[in-house]
Structure formats: C-alpha cells, structure tokens
Amino acid sequence: MPHTAVPHVAFPLSEALKSKSNRFLESIAANDKRAGELYYEVIIQLSDEVLDALLMQTLANANLSPVAMKVVNMCATTCSKASSMLSAKIYKGAKLAEMQKVASFWQGLMKSDQPGHDANWYLASPIDSQLATALDKLLEEKGEREDFVPSDIEDMANKYDQLMNVIIDQFFLGPAAFVDMGMVTRKMLNLGVEGVRQASHAVIHKVVKKLEPVPLGAYVNHTAQYYLKF
C-alpha cells in the first residue's frame, strides 16, 4: 500500500539546535550524568528559536501599533522567562534514567523530509485530521495573493491557537512528563504553561486578527512553512 503523508506541525532543526541535540543524545549514550544540563541547553535554544520564528519574524514588518507591540513583547518575555526558569528546575537535577526516557521521546520527534544526506530535519508532531483539514482550507482560500481577508477571522485565530497548543504540548510539555519533578515544581510548571498559553492567545486574538490584509497574508505564508506532511 502507498504511504499516506500525515500532517504535522514541524519546526526545522537549525545547526545550533542540531548540535545541542546531538551533544545531549551523545551524553545519554555515554551514560553521562550531565545529560539533564545538556538538555536544558537544548530547550533554551528551541525556545529562543520558536519565539523568533513564530513571533518576531512573523510580525517584524507588520507596522504594529504601540499597544500591539506591547502585547507581543509581553508574550516574548513571558515565554522566555517561563522556559528558562522551569527548564532549569525540571532538567538540571533530573536522574539519568529519566533523561534516557526524555531522549527516546525527543528522538521520536525528529523527522526528515527525504532519505539521504540532502534531507532536512525537523522536530515534528502529528496534528489531528480536523485541524489539518481546516488549515488546508485556510491555505486554499488564501491562494497565491499577497493580501488576505479570511471569510471567518475568528475561526482562523482559533486554528492558530490550536497549532500553538500542539507546539507547547509536544515540544515543551511532552519531554517534561518523564521527569519526577515534585508537587511544587509541577504546580509551577502548570502555572507557567498557562501563562504562556494566555500570552500566545493574546497575540493571536489581539494582534494577528487585527492585521491589515497584506501583513496578514505574510503571516499566513510564514506560518504555513511549519505545517508539513511526512
């Protein structure tokens, strides 16, 4: 039977992220107790790149108002602080056996778009068929034109909310599930993640929804590159 491509949210592995991931995975293979510290560096790198790609780059040329910029900067600050503080508490003191499970999960996220040396590598997680169908319809509606006014702006915003939640749940919360972090740190994690969700929601509903047609078209084009099928 022919292989059916599955829709994913996929984030490209930059050279820096690939290098830090390899160092972490090599430490696991060597039973190095520093694995938790090395994975902390991976998560901080990923956090910085996701914020830059999905927040700063997408809205860099949108001529945002001071109020909109304040929302964007608040989101960036919230996400960065939560990632740094929580990741340090979760991973730096984690046991090697826990980090081995994290490594297996992390490797499961890595996918390539083709075999061989020319492959592009991604961190990728499947998305459900309803969200994939909605994103396909959104991209079909936009087509090739630069400007874009969707028929249902609220539905579009909700779909981007769902996409951001997949990234948060899979790339950041997923690995943390394998670490026994204690009740206090777990509560801090839940509060921190909720803050990140609220900040991301604010950007999508208070900034993205109000973009002019050309910047909105650019936003849709930019985010579409993180929606791939493997």
Protein backbone atom coordinates (compact mmCIF):
# COMPACT_ATOMS: atom_id res chain seq x y z
CA MET A 1 0.00 0.00 0.00
CA PRO A 2 1.30 3.52 -0.78
CA HIS A 3 2.40 5.64 2.15
CA THR A 4 -0.10 8.35 3.10
CA ALA A 5 1.55 11.57 4.22
CA VAL A 6 0.49 12.61 7.73
CA PRO A 7 0.01 16.31 8.60
CA HIS A 8 2.46 17.60 11.21
CA VAL A 9 3.45 20.81 12.90
CA ALA A 10 7.16 20.79 12.13
CA PHE A 11 9.95 23.07 13.30
CA PRO A 12 13.27 23.00 11.42
CA LEU A 13 16.38 21.83 13.24
CA SER A 14 18.85 24.69 12.91
CA GLU A 15 22.56 23.91 13.05
CA ALA A 16 22.71 25.23 16.62
CA LEU A 17 19.72 23.17 17.71
CA LYS A 18 21.01 20.09 15.91
CA SER A 19 24.43 20.46 17.54
CA LYS A 20 22.98 20.79 21.05
CA SER A 21 20.59 17.90 20.45
CA ASN A 22 23.48 15.70 19.32
CA ARG A 23 25.53 16.60 22.40
CA PHE A 24 22.59 15.66 24.60
CA LEU A 25 21.97 12.35 22.80
CA GLU A 26 25.69 11.52 22.91
CA SER A 27 25.68 12.13 26.66
CA ILE A 28 22.79 9.68 27.00
CA ALA A 29 24.69 7.05 25.01
CA ALA A 30 27.69 7.57 27.30
CA ASN A 31 25.57 7.42 30.50
CA ASP A 32 26.80 10.92 31.32
CA LYS A 33 25.12 12.39 34.39
CA ARG A 34 25.33 15.84 32.79
CA ALA A 35 22.57 14.84 30.36
CA GLY A 36 19.98 16.97 32.18
CA GLU A 37 22.15 20.08 31.94
CA LEU A 38 22.78 19.45 28.26
CA TYR A 39 19.06 19.01 27.57
CA TYR A 40 18.39 22.28 29.38
CA GLU A 41 20.59 23.94 26.73
CA VAL A 42 18.54 22.23 24.01
CA ILE A 43 15.25 23.52 25.40
CA ILE A 44 16.53 27.08 25.81
CA GLN A 45 17.78 27.05 22.20
CA LEU A 46 14.45 25.69 20.97
CA SER A 47 12.50 28.24 23.00
CA ASP A 48 14.54 31.14 21.58
CA GLU A 49 14.14 29.88 18.01
CA VAL A 50 10.40 29.21 18.30
CA LEU A 51 9.81 32.68 19.74
CA ASP A 52 11.85 34.28 16.99
CA ALA A 53 10.24 32.26 14.19
CA LEU A 54 6.60 32.34 15.28
CA LEU A 55 6.50 35.74 16.94
CA MET A 56 9.26 38.15 15.97
CA GLN A 57 9.81 37.15 12.33
CA THR A 58 6.10 36.87 11.52
CA LEU A 59 5.25 40.31 12.88
CA ALA A 60 8.51 42.14 12.15
CA ASN A 61 7.18 44.08 9.14
CA ALA A 62 3.56 44.46 10.20
CA ASN A 63 3.78 48.11 11.36
CA LEU A 64 2.22 47.25 14.69
CA SER A 65 0.77 49.90 16.97
CA PRO A 66 2.45 50.58 20.32
CA VAL A 67 -0.33 48.65 22.07
CA ALA A 68 0.12 45.66 19.76
CA MET A 69 3.90 45.74 20.24
CA LYS A 70 3.36 45.74 24.00
CA VAL A 71 1.28 42.55 23.68
CA VAL A 72 3.94 40.90 21.51
CA ASN A 73 6.79 41.89 23.84
CA MET A 74 4.81 40.70 26.86
CA CYS A 75 4.33 37.33 25.19
CA ALA A 76 8.03 37.03 24.33
CA THR A 77 9.08 37.95 27.87
CA THR A 78 6.56 35.57 29.48
CA CYS A 79 7.59 32.65 27.29
CA SER A 80 11.32 33.26 27.67
CA LYS A 81 11.21 33.59 31.46
CA ALA A 82 8.96 30.55 31.89
CA SER A 83 11.14 28.39 29.64
CA SER A 84 14.41 29.37 31.35
CA MET A 85 13.23 29.11 34.95
CA LEU A 86 11.12 25.97 34.61
CA SER A 87 13.54 24.07 32.38
CA ALA A 88 16.35 24.66 34.86
CA LYS A 89 14.24 23.34 37.74
CA ILE A 90 12.99 20.33 35.77
CA TYR A 91 16.08 19.08 33.94
CA LYS A 92 19.25 20.19 35.70
CA GLY A 93 18.66 17.85 38.62
CA ALA A 94 16.94 15.06 36.69
CA LYS A 95 18.13 11.47 37.04
CA LEU A 96 19.90 9.77 34.15
CA ALA A 97 17.15 7.15 33.88
CA GLU A 98 14.59 9.94 33.45
CA MET A 99 16.70 11.69 30.84
CA GLN A 100 17.01 8.43 28.91
CA LYS A 101 13.22 8.46 28.55
CA VAL A 102 13.34 12.11 27.53
CA ALA A 103 15.93 11.22 24.87
CA SER A 104 13.70 8.48 23.44
CA PHE A 105 10.79 10.92 23.24
CA TRP A 106 12.99 13.61 21.69
CA GLN A 107 14.30 11.24 19.03
CA GLY A 108 10.71 10.28 18.23
CA LEU A 109 10.02 13.94 17.36
CA MET A 110 12.87 14.06 14.82
CA LYS A 111 11.75 13.52 11.23
CA SER A 112 13.35 14.11 7.83
CA ASP A 113 11.61 15.13 4.63
CA GLN A 114 13.62 12.68 2.49
CA PRO A 115 16.26 9.96 2.86
CA GLY A 116 19.98 10.61 2.43
CA HIS A 117 22.41 13.42 3.12
CA ASP A 118 20.23 16.07 1.48
CA ALA A 119 17.42 15.58 3.99
CA ASN A 120 16.06 18.47 6.01
CA TRP A 121 15.47 17.58 9.65
CA TYR A 122 12.59 18.79 11.82
CA LEU A 123 11.06 18.43 15.24
CA ALA A 124 7.62 17.28 14.19
CA SER A 125 4.39 16.19 15.84
CA PRO A 126 1.24 14.91 14.12
CA ILE A 127 -1.88 17.07 14.28
CA ASP A 128 -5.43 15.79 14.21
CA SER A 129 -7.29 15.48 10.93
CA GLN A 130 -9.85 18.19 11.72
CA LEU A 131 -7.16 20.81 12.34
CA ALA A 132 -5.26 19.68 9.23
CA THR A 133 -8.40 19.95 7.09
CA ALA A 134 -9.09 23.44 8.46
CA LEU A 135 -5.51 24.57 7.72
CA ASP A 136 -5.73 23.14 4.19
CA LYS A 137 -8.93 25.11 3.60
CA LEU A 138 -7.36 28.28 5.01
CA LEU A 139 -4.35 28.00 2.69
CA GLU A 140 -6.60 27.18 -0.27
CA GLU A 141 -8.74 30.23 0.50
CA LYS A 142 -5.69 32.47 0.60
CA GLY A 143 -4.17 31.08 -2.60
CA GLU A 144 -1.25 32.95 -4.16
CA ARG A 145 -2.31 36.54 -3.48
CA GLU A 146 -0.28 38.63 -1.06
CA ASP A 147 -3.23 40.17 0.77
CA PHE A 148 -5.70 38.06 2.70
CA VAL A 149 -9.05 38.63 4.39
CA PRO A 150 -10.38 35.25 5.58
CA SER A 151 -14.09 34.55 5.42
CA ASP A 152 -14.05 33.72 9.14
CA ILE A 153 -11.29 35.55 11.01
CA GLU A 154 -12.37 34.13 14.39
CA ASP A 155 -12.12 30.56 13.13
CA MET A 156 -8.68 31.29 11.66
CA ALA A 157 -7.47 32.65 15.01
CA ASN A 158 -8.82 29.60 16.83
CA LYS A 159 -6.95 27.27 14.46
CA TYR A 160 -3.69 29.12 15.09
CA ASP A 161 -4.41 28.83 18.81
CA GLN A 162 -4.70 25.06 18.37
CA LEU A 163 -1.45 24.94 16.41
CA MET A 164 0.42 26.82 19.14
CA ASN A 165 -1.01 24.45 21.75
CA VAL A 166 0.37 21.47 19.82
CA ILE A 167 3.83 23.08 19.90
CA ILE A 168 3.58 23.80 23.64
CA ASP A 169 2.21 20.36 24.50
CA GLN A 170 4.54 18.28 22.35
CA PHE A 171 7.84 20.14 22.17
CA PHE A 172 7.91 21.57 25.68
CA LEU A 173 5.46 19.71 27.94
CA GLY A 174 5.97 16.30 26.33
CA PRO A 175 9.58 15.75 27.49
CA ALA A 176 8.82 17.06 30.99
CA ALA A 177 6.31 14.24 31.54
CA PHE A 178 9.20 11.80 32.03
CA VAL A 179 10.78 13.70 34.92
CA ASP A 180 9.68 13.30 38.53
CA MET A 181 9.73 16.95 39.50
CA GLY A 182 7.75 17.03 42.74
CA MET A 183 4.46 18.76 43.53
CA VAL A 184 5.84 22.29 43.89
CA THR A 185 7.72 22.28 40.58
CA ARG A 186 4.77 20.59 38.85
CA LYS A 187 2.47 23.35 40.10
CA MET A 188 4.97 25.97 38.88
CA LEU A 189 5.10 24.23 35.51
CA ASN A 190 1.32 24.23 35.17
CA LEU A 191 1.14 27.93 36.10
CA GLY A 192 3.99 28.80 33.75
CA VAL A 193 2.48 26.92 30.83
CA GLU A 194 -0.91 28.51 31.43
CA GLY A 195 0.79 31.92 31.33
CA VAL A 196 2.45 31.04 28.02
CA ARG A 197 -0.88 29.86 26.57
CA GLN A 198 -2.58 33.08 27.63
CA ALA A 199 0.22 35.20 26.19
CA SER A 200 0.13 33.31 22.88
CA HIS A 201 -3.66 33.60 22.79
CA ALA A 202 -3.40 37.36 23.35
CA VAL A 203 -1.01 37.78 20.41
CA ILE A 204 -3.24 35.79 18.06
CA HIS A 205 -6.53 37.42 19.09
CA LYS A 206 -5.38 40.97 19.86
CA VAL A 207 -2.66 41.38 17.22
CA VAL A 208 -2.88 38.84 14.39
CA LYS A 209 -6.67 39.13 13.99
CA LYS A 210 -6.33 42.90 13.57
CA LEU A 211 -3.57 42.87 10.95
CA GLU A 212 -4.15 44.62 7.64
CA PRO A 213 -4.67 42.27 4.64
CA VAL A 214 -1.06 42.34 3.35
CA PRO A 215 0.63 41.70 6.73
CA LEU A 216 -1.98 39.03 7.46
CA GLY A 217 -1.19 37.35 4.15
CA ALA A 218 2.51 37.42 5.05
CA TYR A 219 1.71 35.92 8.47
CA VAL A 220 -0.23 33.04 6.91
CA ASN A 221 2.55 32.41 4.38
CA HIS A 222 5.20 32.40 7.10
CA THR A 223 3.37 30.06 9.45
CA ALA A 224 2.48 27.69 6.57
CA GLN A 225 6.12 26.58 6.39
CA TYR A 226 5.68 24.91 9.80
CA TYR A 227 2.79 22.82 8.52
CA LEU A 228 4.26 19.83 6.70
CA LYS A 229 3.24 16.32 5.70
CA PHE A 230 5.56 13.34 6.19
